[in-house]
């Protein structure tokens, strides 16, 4: 699987679905514009302060998190190709102990790093 080892059994499906969703959102579809989302979520378009569209924000954050994790996995796999021996294993162990890495809550990336740390 190369750069996407650790993502999924079929990473092209995960990436394809994410790409399709992000592409769909990039086009002028009423339900994917700020105005259309506000109407769907029963928010007033001209409120002040501007309403937070909870559903839209949560969906965006899920997609953003997945896109970020795909990038992290690709970088980890590149680093793994260059790392060898105990130094690399210790680096993986330190990464697993790193608070920021844990807070990022990237379960696929964590599982991948664990496989190298043991």
Protein backbone atom coordinates (compact mmCIF):
# COMPACT_ATOMS: atom_id res chain seq x y z
CA UNK A 1 0.00 0.00 0.00
CA UNK A 2 2.99 2.30 0.23
CA UNK A 3 2.22 5.81 1.41
CA UNK A 4 -1.30 4.98 2.57
CA UNK A 5 -0.44 1.90 4.64
CA UNK A 6 -2.53 2.11 7.79
CA UNK A 7 -5.40 4.08 6.31
CA UNK A 8 -7.81 1.32 5.31
CA UNK A 9 -7.77 -1.95 3.46
CA UNK A 10 -8.85 -0.03 0.35
CA UNK A 11 -7.56 3.54 0.84
CA UNK A 12 -8.68 4.62 -2.62
CA UNK A 13 -12.29 4.22 -1.48
CA UNK A 14 -11.79 6.40 1.61
CA UNK A 15 -10.03 9.08 -0.41
CA UNK A 16 -12.53 8.82 -3.27
CA UNK A 17 -15.51 9.29 -0.96
CA UNK A 18 -13.88 12.25 0.78
CA UNK A 19 -12.90 13.83 -2.53
CA UNK A 20 -16.43 13.39 -3.91
CA UNK A 21 -17.94 14.98 -0.81
CA UNK A 22 -15.52 17.91 -0.84
CA UNK A 23 -16.01 18.41 -4.60
CA UNK A 24 -19.76 18.38 -4.16
CA UNK A 25 -19.44 21.07 -1.49
CA UNK A 26 -17.23 23.20 -3.73
CA UNK A 27 -19.95 23.63 -6.34
CA UNK A 28 -22.91 25.94 -6.22
CA UNK A 29 -25.52 23.56 -4.86
CA UNK A 30 -28.16 25.31 -2.77
CA UNK A 31 -27.76 22.89 0.13
CA UNK A 32 -24.00 23.48 0.10
CA UNK A 33 -23.99 27.28 0.22
CA UNK A 34 -24.05 29.26 3.45
CA UNK A 35 -27.56 30.49 2.64
CA UNK A 36 -28.83 27.03 1.76
CA UNK A 37 -27.36 25.52 4.91
CA UNK A 38 -28.89 28.23 7.05
CA UNK A 39 -32.32 27.54 5.58
CA UNK A 40 -31.90 23.77 6.11
CA UNK A 41 -30.90 24.32 9.74
CA UNK A 42 -33.71 26.82 10.43
CA UNK A 43 -31.31 29.66 11.10
CA UNK A 44 -32.09 33.28 10.35
CA UNK A 45 -29.86 34.45 7.51
CA UNK A 46 -29.33 37.97 8.81
CA UNK A 47 -29.04 37.43 12.56
CA UNK A 48 -26.36 39.20 14.51
CA UNK A 49 -24.20 37.69 15.68
CA UNK A 50 -24.14 35.31 12.75
CA UNK A 51 -25.61 31.94 13.77
CA UNK A 52 -23.37 28.92 14.05
CA UNK A 53 -24.66 26.18 11.80
CA UNK A 54 -23.99 23.27 14.12
CA UNK A 55 -24.68 20.44 11.66
CA UNK A 56 -22.60 22.04 8.89
CA UNK A 57 -19.73 22.80 11.24
CA UNK A 58 -19.68 19.25 12.62
CA UNK A 59 -19.71 17.78 9.11
CA UNK A 60 -16.89 20.10 8.02
CA UNK A 61 -14.80 19.19 11.08
CA UNK A 62 -15.25 15.43 10.45
CA UNK A 63 -14.11 15.85 6.84
CA UNK A 64 -11.23 18.12 7.85
CA UNK A 65 -10.10 15.62 10.50
CA UNK A 66 -10.14 12.77 7.96
CA UNK A 67 -8.23 14.80 5.37
CA UNK A 68 -5.68 15.74 8.02
CA UNK A 69 -5.27 12.13 9.13
CA UNK A 70 -4.75 10.98 5.53
CA UNK A 71 -1.94 13.54 5.24
CA UNK A 72 -0.41 12.48 8.55
CA UNK A 73 -0.47 8.81 7.50
CA UNK A 74 1.23 9.65 4.20
CA UNK A 75 3.97 11.58 6.02
CA UNK A 76 4.41 8.84 8.63
CA UNK A 77 4.87 6.27 5.89
CA UNK A 78 7.47 8.44 4.19
CA UNK A 79 9.36 8.85 7.47
CA UNK A 80 9.11 5.09 8.10
CA UNK A 81 10.82 4.40 4.78
CA UNK A 82 13.83 6.38 5.98
CA UNK A 83 13.82 5.24 9.63
CA UNK A 84 15.35 2.02 10.77
CA UNK A 85 16.36 0.17 13.88
CA UNK A 86 15.98 1.15 17.52
CA UNK A 87 16.17 4.91 16.89
CA UNK A 88 13.04 4.78 14.74
CA UNK A 89 11.27 2.50 17.21
CA UNK A 90 12.08 4.88 20.08
CA UNK A 91 10.88 7.86 18.03
CA UNK A 92 7.56 6.06 17.48
CA UNK A 93 7.28 5.34 21.20
CA UNK A 94 7.90 9.02 22.01
CA UNK A 95 5.30 10.07 19.46
CA UNK A 96 2.72 7.83 21.13
CA UNK A 97 3.51 9.55 24.44
CA UNK A 98 3.26 13.04 22.95
CA UNK A 99 0.22 14.86 24.32
CA UNK A 100 -0.48 16.78 21.10
CA UNK A 101 -0.42 13.57 19.06
CA UNK A 102 -2.84 11.93 21.50
CA UNK A 103 -5.15 14.96 21.49
CA UNK A 104 -5.28 14.85 17.69
CA UNK A 105 -7.30 11.63 18.11
CA UNK A 106 -6.10 9.99 14.92
CA UNK A 107 -6.91 6.35 15.57
CA UNK A 108 -5.61 5.02 12.24
CA UNK A 109 -2.33 6.93 12.51
CA UNK A 110 -1.95 5.85 16.15
CA UNK A 111 -2.47 2.21 15.23
CA UNK A 112 0.18 2.55 12.50
CA UNK A 113 2.72 4.13 14.85
CA UNK A 114 2.01 1.46 17.46
CA UNK A 115 2.85 -1.22 14.90
CA UNK A 116 6.27 0.38 14.43
CA UNK A 117 6.86 1.05 18.12
CA UNK A 118 6.46 -2.56 19.21
